[in-house]
Structures are given as structure tokens and as C-alpha cells.
Amino acid sequence: MKRVLVVDNERLILAFMDELLSKEGYQVVRAKNGLEALDILKTYRAQIMFVDMVMPKMDVSELVAQLQAFLPETKVLLISGYTDETIARHGALNSGQAFLEKPFSPRLLPER
């Protein structure tokens, strides 16, 4: 069973993602911000991370950089309510990074 870490400061998004991914057979761990995510990853190694691009306590690019240094094999999917064009315009989305705009359909989630 693959372990997924969902990082989002919105309680409802965390609950939605937990329910959605659990139904698909993933083990879900949740974090409310980047600092909590890094702390959780010390104990629970995740194969996949869903990371909201706008969170308190840590910039998403800093979180992804630290994650890739610590767990380079972990796949990261950035999620946001902002459009990918808006995010790219502000330089927050590096080319090649996977991005999913909220709200999204469960059909758009990566295959196991």
C-alpha cells in the first residue's frame, strides 16, 4: 500500500483528500503546513505528496526543496485554487512540476 502525505491548511481539503485517496487504497497522512509535513516525514515516509501551493509557516518551494533533499524518490503533486497561469506568472511553478488546479475530479489523480 502506498503512503500519501497531503499538505494543506484547509481542514475540508484534508478531509476530502483523505476520504478520496483512502477509497483508492492509499494510506493517507495529513499535515496542515510545511513544517508539520517535514516533521511527519521523519516518521512516515511517503511515496507521494499532494502539496497546496499557498500555506502558512513555509513557502512551498522551500518545502519541495527540503523534501527532495531528504526523500528524492517521493513524487510531488502541487495543488492550488489558483490557475496554473497565475502561479506560473508569479514564478511559483517550476517547469516540469506536476500541478493540479482545485477543484478537481478524482479521475485526474495519478494512477497507483
N, C-alpha and C. Protein backbone atom coordinates (compact mmCIF):
# COMPACT_ATOMS: atom_id res chain seq x y z
N MET A 1 0.85 -1.18 0.00
CA MET A 1 0.00 0.00 0.00
C MET A 1 0.89 1.24 0.00
N LYS A 2 0.63 2.15 -0.92
CA LYS A 2 1.40 3.38 -0.99
C LYS A 2 0.91 4.37 0.05
N ARG A 3 1.87 5.08 0.65
CA ARG A 3 1.55 6.11 1.62
C ARG A 3 1.59 7.47 0.94
N VAL A 4 0.57 8.27 1.21
CA VAL A 4 0.44 9.60 0.63
C VAL A 4 0.40 10.62 1.76
N LEU A 5 1.14 11.69 1.61
CA LEU A 5 1.07 12.82 2.55
C LEU A 5 0.35 13.96 1.84
N VAL A 6 -0.72 14.43 2.46
CA VAL A 6 -1.47 15.56 1.92
C VAL A 6 -1.16 16.76 2.81
N VAL A 7 -0.68 17.85 2.19
CA VAL A 7 -0.31 19.06 2.94
C VAL A 7 -1.19 20.20 2.46
N ASP A 8 -2.07 20.66 3.35
CA ASP A 8 -2.98 21.76 3.01
C ASP A 8 -3.46 22.39 4.31
N ASN A 9 -3.56 23.69 4.34
CA ASN A 9 -4.01 24.37 5.55
C ASN A 9 -5.54 24.40 5.68
N GLU A 10 -6.25 23.93 4.68
CA GLU A 10 -7.71 23.89 4.71
C GLU A 10 -8.18 22.53 5.23
N ARG A 11 -8.85 22.53 6.37
CA ARG A 11 -9.32 21.31 7.01
C ARG A 11 -10.22 20.49 6.09
N LEU A 12 -11.11 21.15 5.36
CA LEU A 12 -12.03 20.44 4.48
C LEU A 12 -11.30 19.76 3.32
N ILE A 13 -10.28 20.41 2.80
CA ILE A 13 -9.48 19.79 1.73
C ILE A 13 -8.77 18.55 2.25
N LEU A 14 -8.20 18.65 3.46
CA LEU A 14 -7.52 17.49 4.05
C LEU A 14 -8.49 16.32 4.20
N ALA A 15 -9.69 16.60 4.70
CA ALA A 15 -10.68 15.55 4.90
C ALA A 15 -11.12 14.95 3.56
N PHE A 16 -11.35 15.81 2.57
CA PHE A 16 -11.75 15.35 1.24
C PHE A 16 -10.68 14.46 0.62
N MET A 17 -9.44 14.91 0.66
CA MET A 17 -8.35 14.14 0.07
C MET A 17 -8.14 12.82 0.80
N ASP A 18 -8.27 12.85 2.12
CA ASP A 18 -8.13 11.62 2.92
C ASP A 18 -9.18 10.60 2.49
N GLU A 19 -10.43 11.03 2.42
CA GLU A 19 -11.51 10.13 2.03
C GLU A 19 -11.32 9.61 0.61
N LEU A 20 -11.02 10.50 -0.31
CA LEU A 20 -10.85 10.15 -1.71
C LEU A 20 -9.71 9.15 -1.91
N LEU A 21 -8.55 9.45 -1.32
CA LEU A 21 -7.38 8.60 -1.52
C LEU A 21 -7.48 7.28 -0.75
N SER A 22 -8.10 7.31 0.42
CA SER A 22 -8.30 6.07 1.18
C SER A 22 -9.16 5.09 0.40
N LYS A 23 -10.20 5.61 -0.26
CA LYS A 23 -11.08 4.76 -1.07
C LYS A 23 -10.33 4.11 -2.22
N GLU A 24 -9.26 4.77 -2.67
CA GLU A 24 -8.46 4.24 -3.78
C GLU A 24 -7.33 3.32 -3.29
N GLY A 25 -7.29 3.07 -1.98
CA GLY A 25 -6.32 2.12 -1.44
C GLY A 25 -5.02 2.73 -0.93
N TYR A 26 -4.95 4.04 -0.84
CA TYR A 26 -3.75 4.69 -0.31
C TYR A 26 -3.85 4.82 1.21
N GLN A 27 -2.71 4.78 1.88
CA GLN A 27 -2.64 5.12 3.29
C GLN A 27 -2.36 6.62 3.34
N VAL A 28 -3.22 7.39 3.99
CA VAL A 28 -3.13 8.85 3.95
C VAL A 28 -2.66 9.40 5.29
N VAL A 29 -1.68 10.29 5.21
CA VAL A 29 -1.20 11.05 6.36
C VAL A 29 -1.41 12.51 6.01
N ARG A 30 -1.83 13.32 7.00
CA ARG A 30 -2.15 14.73 6.73
C ARG A 30 -1.23 15.67 7.49
N ALA A 31 -0.97 16.84 6.88
CA ALA A 31 -0.22 17.91 7.53
C ALA A 31 -0.87 19.24 7.20
N LYS A 32 -0.88 20.17 8.17
CA LYS A 32 -1.52 21.48 7.99
C LYS A 32 -0.59 22.53 7.39
N ASN A 33 0.72 22.24 7.37
CA ASN A 33 1.69 23.20 6.82
C ASN A 33 2.99 22.47 6.53
N GLY A 34 3.94 23.20 5.93
CA GLY A 34 5.20 22.60 5.52
C GLY A 34 6.04 22.10 6.68
N LEU A 35 6.08 22.85 7.77
CA LEU A 35 6.87 22.42 8.93
C LEU A 35 6.34 21.11 9.50
N GLU A 36 5.03 21.02 9.61
CA GLU A 36 4.42 19.78 10.09
C GLU A 36 4.69 18.63 9.12
N ALA A 37 4.65 18.91 7.83
CA ALA A 37 4.92 17.89 6.82
C ALA A 37 6.32 17.32 6.97
N LEU A 38 7.31 18.18 7.13
CA LEU A 38 8.69 17.71 7.28
C LEU A 38 8.85 16.88 8.55
N ASP A 39 8.19 17.29 9.61
CA ASP A 39 8.24 16.54 10.86
C ASP A 39 7.61 15.16 10.68
N ILE A 40 6.47 15.10 10.02
CA ILE A 40 5.78 13.83 9.78
C ILE A 40 6.63 12.90 8.92
N LEU A 41 7.32 13.46 7.94
CA LEU A 41 8.12 12.63 7.03
C LEU A 41 9.30 11.96 7.72
N LYS A 42 9.68 12.43 8.88
CA LYS A 42 10.75 11.76 9.64
C LYS A 42 10.29 10.40 10.13
N THR A 43 8.99 10.26 10.36
CA THR A 43 8.42 9.01 10.87
C THR A 43 7.72 8.22 9.77
N TYR A 44 6.94 8.92 8.96
CA TYR A 44 6.13 8.27 7.92
C TYR A 44 6.66 8.64 6.55
N ARG A 45 7.43 7.77 5.96
CA ARG A 45 7.94 8.02 4.62
C ARG A 45 6.81 7.90 3.61
N ALA A 46 6.61 8.92 2.83
CA ALA A 46 5.53 8.92 1.83
C ALA A 46 6.12 8.73 0.44
N GLN A 47 5.39 8.00 -0.39
CA GLN A 47 5.81 7.84 -1.79
C GLN A 47 5.30 8.99 -2.64
N ILE A 48 4.19 9.60 -2.20
CA ILE A 48 3.57 10.69 -2.95
C ILE A 48 3.17 11.79 -1.97
N MET A 49 3.34 13.04 -2.39
CA MET A 49 2.88 14.18 -1.61
C MET A 49 2.00 15.07 -2.46
N PHE A 50 0.85 15.44 -1.93
CA PHE A 50 -0.01 16.45 -2.53
C PHE A 50 0.20 17.70 -1.69
N VAL A 51 0.69 18.76 -2.30
CA VAL A 51 1.07 19.96 -1.54
C VAL A 51 0.35 21.18 -2.09
N ASP A 52 -0.42 21.85 -1.19
CA ASP A 52 -1.05 23.10 -1.57
C ASP A 52 0.05 24.15 -1.75
N MET A 53 -0.11 24.99 -2.74
CA MET A 53 0.94 25.96 -3.06
C MET A 53 0.93 27.20 -2.17
N VAL A 54 -0.15 27.42 -1.45
CA VAL A 54 -0.23 28.60 -0.59
C VAL A 54 -0.57 28.13 0.81
N MET A 55 0.45 28.19 1.70
CA MET A 55 0.28 27.72 3.08
C MET A 55 1.04 28.63 4.03
N PRO A 56 0.63 28.60 5.31
CA PRO A 56 1.38 29.36 6.30
C PRO A 56 2.64 28.60 6.73
N LYS A 57 3.56 29.30 7.34
CA LYS A 57 4.74 28.77 8.03
C LYS A 57 5.89 28.30 7.14
N MET A 58 5.66 28.06 5.85
CA MET A 58 6.77 27.66 4.98
C MET A 58 6.35 27.82 3.53
N ASP A 59 7.22 28.41 2.74
CA ASP A 59 7.00 28.57 1.31
C ASP A 59 7.04 27.19 0.65
N VAL A 60 6.16 26.96 -0.30
CA VAL A 60 6.06 25.65 -0.95
C VAL A 60 7.36 25.26 -1.65
N SER A 61 8.07 26.22 -2.25
CA SER A 61 9.33 25.88 -2.93
C SER A 61 10.39 25.43 -1.93
N GLU A 62 10.38 26.01 -0.73
CA GLU A 62 11.30 25.58 0.32
C GLU A 62 10.95 24.16 0.79
N LEU A 63 9.67 23.89 0.96
CA LEU A 63 9.23 22.56 1.36
C LEU A 63 9.65 21.52 0.32
N VAL A 64 9.39 21.79 -0.94
CA VAL A 64 9.73 20.84 -2.00
C VAL A 64 11.25 20.63 -2.07
N ALA A 65 12.04 21.69 -1.93
CA ALA A 65 13.50 21.56 -1.95
C ALA A 65 13.99 20.69 -0.80
N GLN A 66 13.46 20.92 0.40
CA GLN A 66 13.87 20.11 1.55
C GLN A 66 13.41 18.66 1.38
N LEU A 67 12.22 18.49 0.85
CA LEU A 67 11.71 17.14 0.63
C LEU A 67 12.60 16.39 -0.37
N GLN A 68 12.95 17.04 -1.46
CA GLN A 68 13.74 16.38 -2.48
C GLN A 68 15.16 16.05 -2.00
N ALA A 69 15.68 16.87 -1.08
CA ALA A 69 16.99 16.57 -0.50
C ALA A 69 16.89 15.38 0.46
N PHE A 70 15.79 15.30 1.19
CA PHE A 70 15.60 14.27 2.21
C PHE A 70 15.06 12.96 1.62
N LEU A 71 14.08 13.07 0.73
CA LEU A 71 13.43 11.91 0.10
C LEU A 71 13.30 12.13 -1.40
N PRO A 72 14.38 12.02 -2.14
CA PRO A 72 14.34 12.35 -3.57
C PRO A 72 13.41 11.46 -4.39
N GLU A 73 13.08 10.28 -3.89
CA GLU A 73 12.21 9.39 -4.64
C GLU A 73 10.72 9.72 -4.48
N THR A 74 10.38 10.59 -3.54
CA THR A 74 8.98 10.95 -3.31
C THR A 74 8.47 11.85 -4.44
N LYS A 75 7.33 11.48 -5.01
CA LYS A 75 6.73 12.28 -6.07
C LYS A 75 5.89 13.39 -5.44
N VAL A 76 5.94 14.58 -6.03
CA VAL A 76 5.22 15.74 -5.51
C VAL A 76 4.23 16.23 -6.55
N LEU A 77 2.98 16.39 -6.11
CA LEU A 77 1.95 16.97 -6.96
C LEU A 77 1.49 18.25 -6.27
N LEU A 78 1.72 19.38 -6.91
CA LEU A 78 1.31 20.68 -6.37
C LEU A 78 -0.15 20.92 -6.70
N ILE A 79 -0.91 21.40 -5.72
CA ILE A 79 -2.32 21.69 -5.92
C ILE A 79 -2.61 23.12 -5.48
N SER A 80 -3.56 23.77 -6.15
CA SER A 80 -3.91 25.14 -5.79
C SER A 80 -5.25 25.52 -6.37
N GLY A 81 -5.90 26.45 -5.71
CA GLY A 81 -7.13 27.03 -6.23
C GLY A 81 -6.85 28.09 -7.28
N TYR A 82 -5.59 28.54 -7.35
CA TYR A 82 -5.20 29.49 -8.39
C TYR A 82 -4.94 28.73 -9.68
N THR A 83 -5.12 29.37 -10.82
CA THR A 83 -4.85 28.71 -12.09
C THR A 83 -3.36 28.53 -12.29
N ASP A 84 -2.99 27.57 -13.12
CA ASP A 84 -1.57 27.35 -13.38
C ASP A 84 -0.94 28.56 -14.06
N GLU A 85 -1.72 29.30 -14.84
CA GLU A 85 -1.21 30.52 -15.48
C GLU A 85 -0.86 31.58 -14.43
N THR A 86 -1.72 31.77 -13.45
CA THR A 86 -1.46 32.75 -12.39
C THR A 86 -0.23 32.35 -11.60
N ILE A 87 -0.13 31.09 -11.27
CA ILE A 87 1.01 30.62 -10.48
C ILE A 87 2.30 30.76 -11.28
N ALA A 88 2.28 30.37 -12.54
CA ALA A 88 3.48 30.49 -13.38
C ALA A 88 3.89 31.95 -13.55
N ARG A 89 2.92 32.84 -13.67
CA ARG A 89 3.21 34.25 -13.83
C ARG A 89 3.95 34.81 -12.61
N HIS A 90 3.66 34.26 -11.45
CA HIS A 90 4.32 34.71 -10.22
C HIS A 90 5.57 33.89 -9.91
N GLY A 91 5.94 32.99 -10.82
CA GLY A 91 7.18 32.24 -10.66
C GLY A 91 7.12 31.12 -9.63
N ALA A 92 5.94 30.74 -9.22
CA ALA A 92 5.83 29.73 -8.17
C ALA A 92 5.81 28.31 -8.70
N LEU A 93 5.67 28.13 -9.99
CA LEU A 93 5.59 26.80 -10.56
C LEU A 93 6.77 26.59 -11.51
N ASN A 94 7.69 25.71 -11.12
CA ASN A 94 8.83 25.41 -11.98
C ASN A 94 8.38 24.50 -13.12
N SER A 95 9.02 24.64 -14.24
CA SER A 95 8.65 23.78 -15.37
C SER A 95 8.91 22.32 -15.00
N GLY A 96 8.02 21.47 -15.43
CA GLY A 96 8.18 20.06 -15.16
C GLY A 96 7.53 19.59 -13.87
N GLN A 97 7.09 20.51 -13.01
CA GLN A 97 6.42 20.10 -11.79
C GLN A 97 4.97 19.80 -12.09
N ALA A 98 4.49 18.71 -11.51
CA ALA A 98 3.10 18.32 -11.70
C ALA A 98 2.20 19.28 -10.93
N PHE A 99 1.12 19.72 -11.59
CA PHE A 99 0.21 20.69 -10.98
C PHE A 99 -1.23 20.27 -11.25
N LEU A 100 -2.07 20.43 -10.22
CA LEU A 100 -3.48 20.12 -10.35
C LEU A 100 -4.26 21.28 -9.75
N GLU A 101 -5.15 21.87 -10.56
CA GLU A 101 -5.93 23.02 -10.12
C GLU A 101 -7.16 22.56 -9.34
N LYS A 102 -7.38 23.17 -8.17
CA LYS A 102 -8.58 22.88 -7.36
C LYS A 102 -9.73 23.73 -7.86
N PRO A 103 -10.94 23.27 -7.84
CA PRO A 103 -11.33 21.90 -7.51
C PRO A 103 -11.03 20.97 -8.69
N PHE A 104 -10.87 19.71 -8.38
CA PHE A 104 -10.56 18.75 -9.43
C PHE A 104 -11.39 17.49 -9.24
N SER A 105 -11.45 16.72 -10.28
CA SER A 105 -12.17 15.46 -10.26
C SER A 105 -11.23 14.36 -9.79
N PRO A 106 -11.73 13.41 -9.02
CA PRO A 106 -10.89 12.27 -8.61
C PRO A 106 -10.27 11.53 -9.79
N ARG A 107 -10.91 11.60 -10.95
CA ARG A 107 -10.37 10.92 -12.15
C ARG A 107 -9.02 11.49 -12.58
N LEU A 108 -8.71 12.73 -12.15
CA LEU A 108 -7.46 13.36 -12.55
C LEU A 108 -6.28 12.98 -11.68
N LEU A 109 -6.53 12.26 -10.59
CA LEU A 109 -5.45 11.88 -9.69
C LEU A 109 -4.56 10.84 -10.35
N PRO A 110 -3.28 10.82 -9.98
CA PRO A 110 -2.35 9.87 -10.59
C PRO A 110 -2.75 8.42 -10.31
N GLU A 111 -2.41 7.56 -11.22
CA GLU A 111 -2.64 6.13 -11.03
C GLU A 111 -1.69 5.62 -9.95
N ARG A 112 -2.12 4.58 -9.27
CA ARG A 112 -1.25 3.96 -8.27
C ARG A 112 -0.09 3.37 -8.98
